């Protein structure tokens, strides 16, 4: 490709990326990426909470099956 042809192509690219339509599309993509990041953080938090609840259930099950401390009230 000649230098003149390269310069013309670069100019076309430059004009394309500076159009309002391109900027709008890029902003839309960035918003979607931000939303996905937020959802990812929320999902990780929910997974941590789920693991905590499962751990508590497992501990309770172990106490019950191993005859852990009695929970009856003294009369």
N, C-alpha and C. Protein backbone atom coordinates (compact mmCIF):
# COMPACT_ATOMS: atom_id res chain seq x y z
N UNK A 1 0.85 -1.18 0.00
CA UNK A 1 0.00 0.00 0.00
C UNK A 1 0.90 1.25 0.00
N UNK A 2 0.55 2.18 -0.81
CA UNK A 2 1.37 3.40 -0.89
C UNK A 2 1.12 4.28 0.33
N UNK A 3 2.06 5.17 0.55
CA UNK A 3 1.95 6.08 1.70
C UNK A 3 0.69 6.94 1.58
N UNK A 4 0.39 7.38 0.37
CA UNK A 4 -0.79 8.22 0.15
C UNK A 4 -2.07 7.45 0.46
N UNK A 5 -2.11 6.18 0.05
CA UNK A 5 -3.28 5.35 0.31
C UNK A 5 -3.42 5.09 1.82
N UNK A 6 -2.32 4.84 2.49
CA UNK A 6 -2.34 4.65 3.93
C UNK A 6 -2.88 5.88 4.63
N UNK A 7 -2.41 7.05 4.21
CA UNK A 7 -2.88 8.30 4.82
C UNK A 7 -4.38 8.50 4.60
N UNK A 8 -4.88 8.14 3.42
CA UNK A 8 -6.32 8.26 3.15
C UNK A 8 -7.11 7.32 4.07
N UNK A 9 -6.62 6.10 4.23
CA UNK A 9 -7.30 5.14 5.09
C UNK A 9 -7.27 5.58 6.55
N UNK A 10 -6.15 6.11 6.97
CA UNK A 10 -6.04 6.63 8.35
C UNK A 10 -7.00 7.78 8.56
N UNK A 11 -7.14 8.64 7.57
CA UNK A 11 -8.06 9.77 7.66
C UNK A 11 -9.50 9.26 7.77
N UNK A 12 -9.85 8.24 6.97
CA UNK A 12 -11.20 7.66 7.05
C UNK A 12 -11.46 7.11 8.45
N UNK A 13 -10.47 6.40 9.00
CA UNK A 13 -10.61 5.85 10.33
C UNK A 13 -10.76 6.95 11.37
N UNK A 14 -9.94 7.97 11.28
CA UNK A 14 -10.00 9.10 12.20
C UNK A 14 -11.38 9.75 12.17
N UNK A 15 -11.91 9.95 10.97
CA UNK A 15 -13.24 10.56 10.84
C UNK A 15 -14.31 9.65 11.42
N UNK A 16 -14.16 8.35 11.20
CA UNK A 16 -15.14 7.39 11.73
C UNK A 16 -15.18 7.42 13.25
N UNK A 17 -14.03 7.39 13.89
CA UNK A 17 -14.04 7.31 15.35
C UNK A 17 -14.40 8.63 16.01
N UNK A 18 -14.47 9.68 15.26
CA UNK A 18 -14.87 10.97 15.83
C UNK A 18 -16.31 11.36 15.48
N UNK A 19 -17.06 10.44 14.92
CA UNK A 19 -18.48 10.68 14.65
C UNK A 19 -19.28 10.50 15.93
N UNK A 20 -20.38 11.20 16.00
CA UNK A 20 -21.28 11.10 17.16
C UNK A 20 -21.84 9.68 17.29
N UNK A 21 -22.11 9.05 16.17
CA UNK A 21 -22.66 7.69 16.18
C UNK A 21 -21.69 6.71 16.84
N UNK A 22 -20.41 6.82 16.50
CA UNK A 22 -19.40 5.95 17.09
C UNK A 22 -19.29 6.20 18.59
N UNK A 23 -19.27 7.47 18.98
CA UNK A 23 -19.18 7.81 20.39
C UNK A 23 -20.39 7.26 21.16
N UNK A 24 -21.56 7.36 20.57
CA UNK A 24 -22.77 6.84 21.20
C UNK A 24 -22.68 5.33 21.39
N UNK A 25 -22.21 4.63 20.38
CA UNK A 25 -22.07 3.17 20.46
C UNK A 25 -21.06 2.79 21.53
N UNK A 26 -19.95 3.50 21.59
CA UNK A 26 -18.93 3.20 22.59
C UNK A 26 -19.46 3.46 24.00
N UNK A 27 -20.18 4.54 24.18
CA UNK A 27 -20.76 4.84 25.50
C UNK A 27 -21.75 3.76 25.92
N UNK A 28 -22.53 3.28 24.95
CA UNK A 28 -23.48 2.21 25.24
C UNK A 28 -22.74 0.94 25.67
N UNK A 29 -21.67 0.61 24.99
CA UNK A 29 -20.88 -0.56 25.35
C UNK A 29 -20.29 -0.40 26.74
N UNK A 30 -19.76 0.77 27.04
CA UNK A 30 -19.17 1.01 28.35
C UNK A 30 -20.21 0.90 29.47
N UNK A 31 -21.42 1.40 29.21
CA UNK A 31 -22.49 1.27 30.21
C UNK A 31 -22.82 -0.20 30.45
N UNK A 32 -22.91 -0.97 29.37
CA UNK A 32 -23.21 -2.39 29.51
C UNK A 32 -22.12 -3.13 30.27
N UNK A 33 -20.87 -2.79 30.00
CA UNK A 33 -19.75 -3.42 30.72
C UNK A 33 -19.83 -3.08 32.20
N UNK A 34 -20.15 -1.83 32.52
CA UNK A 34 -20.28 -1.42 33.92
C UNK A 34 -21.40 -2.20 34.61
N UNK A 35 -22.52 -2.37 33.93
CA UNK A 35 -23.64 -3.13 34.50
C UNK A 35 -23.21 -4.58 34.75
N UNK A 36 -22.49 -5.16 33.79
CA UNK A 36 -22.02 -6.54 33.96
C UNK A 36 -21.07 -6.66 35.15
N UNK A 37 -20.21 -5.67 35.34
CA UNK A 37 -19.30 -5.69 36.48
C UNK A 37 -20.09 -5.62 37.79
N UNK A 38 -21.09 -4.76 37.84
CA UNK A 38 -21.92 -4.65 39.05
C UNK A 38 -22.63 -5.97 39.34
N UNK A 39 -23.18 -6.59 38.29
CA UNK A 39 -23.86 -7.87 38.47
C UNK A 39 -22.89 -8.96 38.93
N UNK A 40 -21.68 -8.91 38.43
CA UNK A 40 -20.66 -9.89 38.83
C UNK A 40 -20.34 -9.75 40.32
N UNK A 41 -20.20 -8.52 40.79
CA UNK A 41 -19.91 -8.28 42.20
C UNK A 41 -21.07 -8.77 43.06
N UNK A 42 -22.30 -8.48 42.64
CA UNK A 42 -23.48 -8.93 43.38
C UNK A 42 -23.54 -10.46 43.43
N UNK A 43 -23.23 -11.10 42.31
CA UNK A 43 -23.26 -12.55 42.27
C UNK A 43 -22.22 -13.14 43.22
N UNK A 44 -21.03 -12.56 43.25
CA UNK A 44 -19.99 -13.06 44.17
C UNK A 44 -20.42 -12.89 45.62
N UNK A 45 -21.06 -11.77 45.94
CA UNK A 45 -21.56 -11.56 47.30
C UNK A 45 -22.61 -12.61 47.67
N UNK A 46 -23.51 -12.88 46.73
CA UNK A 46 -24.55 -13.90 46.98
C UNK A 46 -23.93 -15.28 47.15
N UNK A 47 -22.92 -15.60 46.38
CA UNK A 47 -22.25 -16.89 46.52
C UNK A 47 -21.60 -17.01 47.90
N UNK A 48 -20.97 -15.92 48.37
CA UNK A 48 -20.37 -15.94 49.71
C UNK A 48 -21.43 -16.16 50.78
N UNK A 49 -22.56 -15.47 50.67
CA UNK A 49 -23.63 -15.63 51.65
C UNK A 49 -24.20 -17.04 51.61
N UNK A 50 -24.34 -17.59 50.41
CA UNK A 50 -24.84 -18.95 50.27
C UNK A 50 -23.89 -19.94 50.94
N UNK A 51 -22.60 -19.76 50.74
CA UNK A 51 -21.61 -20.64 51.38
C UNK A 51 -21.70 -20.54 52.90
N UNK A 52 -21.91 -19.34 53.42
CA UNK A 52 -22.04 -19.18 54.87
C UNK A 52 -23.27 -19.92 55.39
N UNK A 53 -24.39 -19.78 54.70
CA UNK A 53 -25.62 -20.46 55.12
C UNK A 53 -25.44 -21.97 55.05
N UNK A 54 -24.83 -22.44 53.96
CA UNK A 54 -24.59 -23.89 53.83
C UNK A 54 -23.68 -24.38 54.95
N UNK A 55 -22.67 -23.60 55.28
CA UNK A 55 -21.78 -23.97 56.38
C UNK A 55 -22.52 -24.06 57.70
N UNK A 56 -23.41 -23.12 57.95
CA UNK A 56 -24.20 -23.15 59.19
C UNK A 56 -25.12 -24.37 59.23
N UNK A 57 -25.73 -24.70 58.10
CA UNK A 57 -26.58 -25.89 58.04
C UNK A 57 -25.76 -27.15 58.29
N UNK A 58 -24.57 -27.21 57.71
CA UNK A 58 -23.71 -28.37 57.90
C UNK A 58 -23.31 -28.52 59.37
N UNK A 59 -22.97 -27.41 60.01
CA UNK A 59 -22.62 -27.45 61.44
C UNK A 59 -23.81 -27.93 62.27
N UNK A 60 -24.99 -27.41 61.96
CA UNK A 60 -26.18 -27.81 62.70
C UNK A 60 -26.46 -29.29 62.49
N UNK A 61 -26.32 -29.76 61.27
CA UNK A 61 -26.55 -31.17 60.97
C UNK A 61 -25.56 -32.05 61.73
N UNK A 62 -24.31 -31.63 61.75
CA UNK A 62 -23.29 -32.40 62.48
C UNK A 62 -23.59 -32.45 63.97
N UNK A 63 -24.03 -31.34 64.54
CA UNK A 63 -24.38 -31.33 65.96
C UNK A 63 -25.54 -32.28 66.25
N UNK A 64 -26.51 -32.26 65.38
CA UNK A 64 -27.69 -33.11 65.58
C UNK A 64 -27.33 -34.58 65.44
N UNK A 65 -26.57 -34.92 64.40
CA UNK A 65 -26.26 -36.33 64.16
C UNK A 65 -25.24 -36.89 65.13
N UNK A 66 -24.39 -36.05 65.70
CA UNK A 66 -23.38 -36.52 66.64
C UNK A 66 -23.86 -36.42 68.08
N UNK A 67 -25.10 -36.04 68.27
CA UNK A 67 -25.64 -35.92 69.62
C UNK A 67 -25.00 -34.79 70.38
N UNK A 68 -24.95 -33.66 69.76
CA UNK A 68 -24.35 -32.48 70.36
C UNK A 68 -25.05 -32.05 71.63
N UNK A 69 -24.70 -30.94 72.17
CA UNK A 69 -25.28 -30.47 73.43
C UNK A 69 -26.80 -30.39 73.34
N UNK A 70 -27.42 -30.76 74.42
CA UNK A 70 -28.88 -30.75 74.46
C UNK A 70 -29.39 -29.33 74.45
N UNK A 71 -30.51 -29.15 73.79
CA UNK A 71 -31.08 -27.81 73.72
C UNK A 71 -32.36 -27.71 74.56
N UNK A 72 -32.61 -28.73 75.39
CA UNK A 72 -33.80 -28.68 76.24
C UNK A 72 -33.61 -27.67 77.36
N UNK A 73 -34.72 -27.04 77.72
CA UNK A 73 -34.70 -26.10 78.85
C UNK A 73 -34.74 -26.87 80.14
N UNK A 74 -34.07 -26.36 81.15
CA UNK A 74 -34.14 -26.97 82.48
C UNK A 74 -35.46 -26.60 83.11
N UNK A 75 -36.07 -27.57 83.74
CA UNK A 75 -37.37 -27.31 84.38
C UNK A 75 -37.20 -27.10 85.85
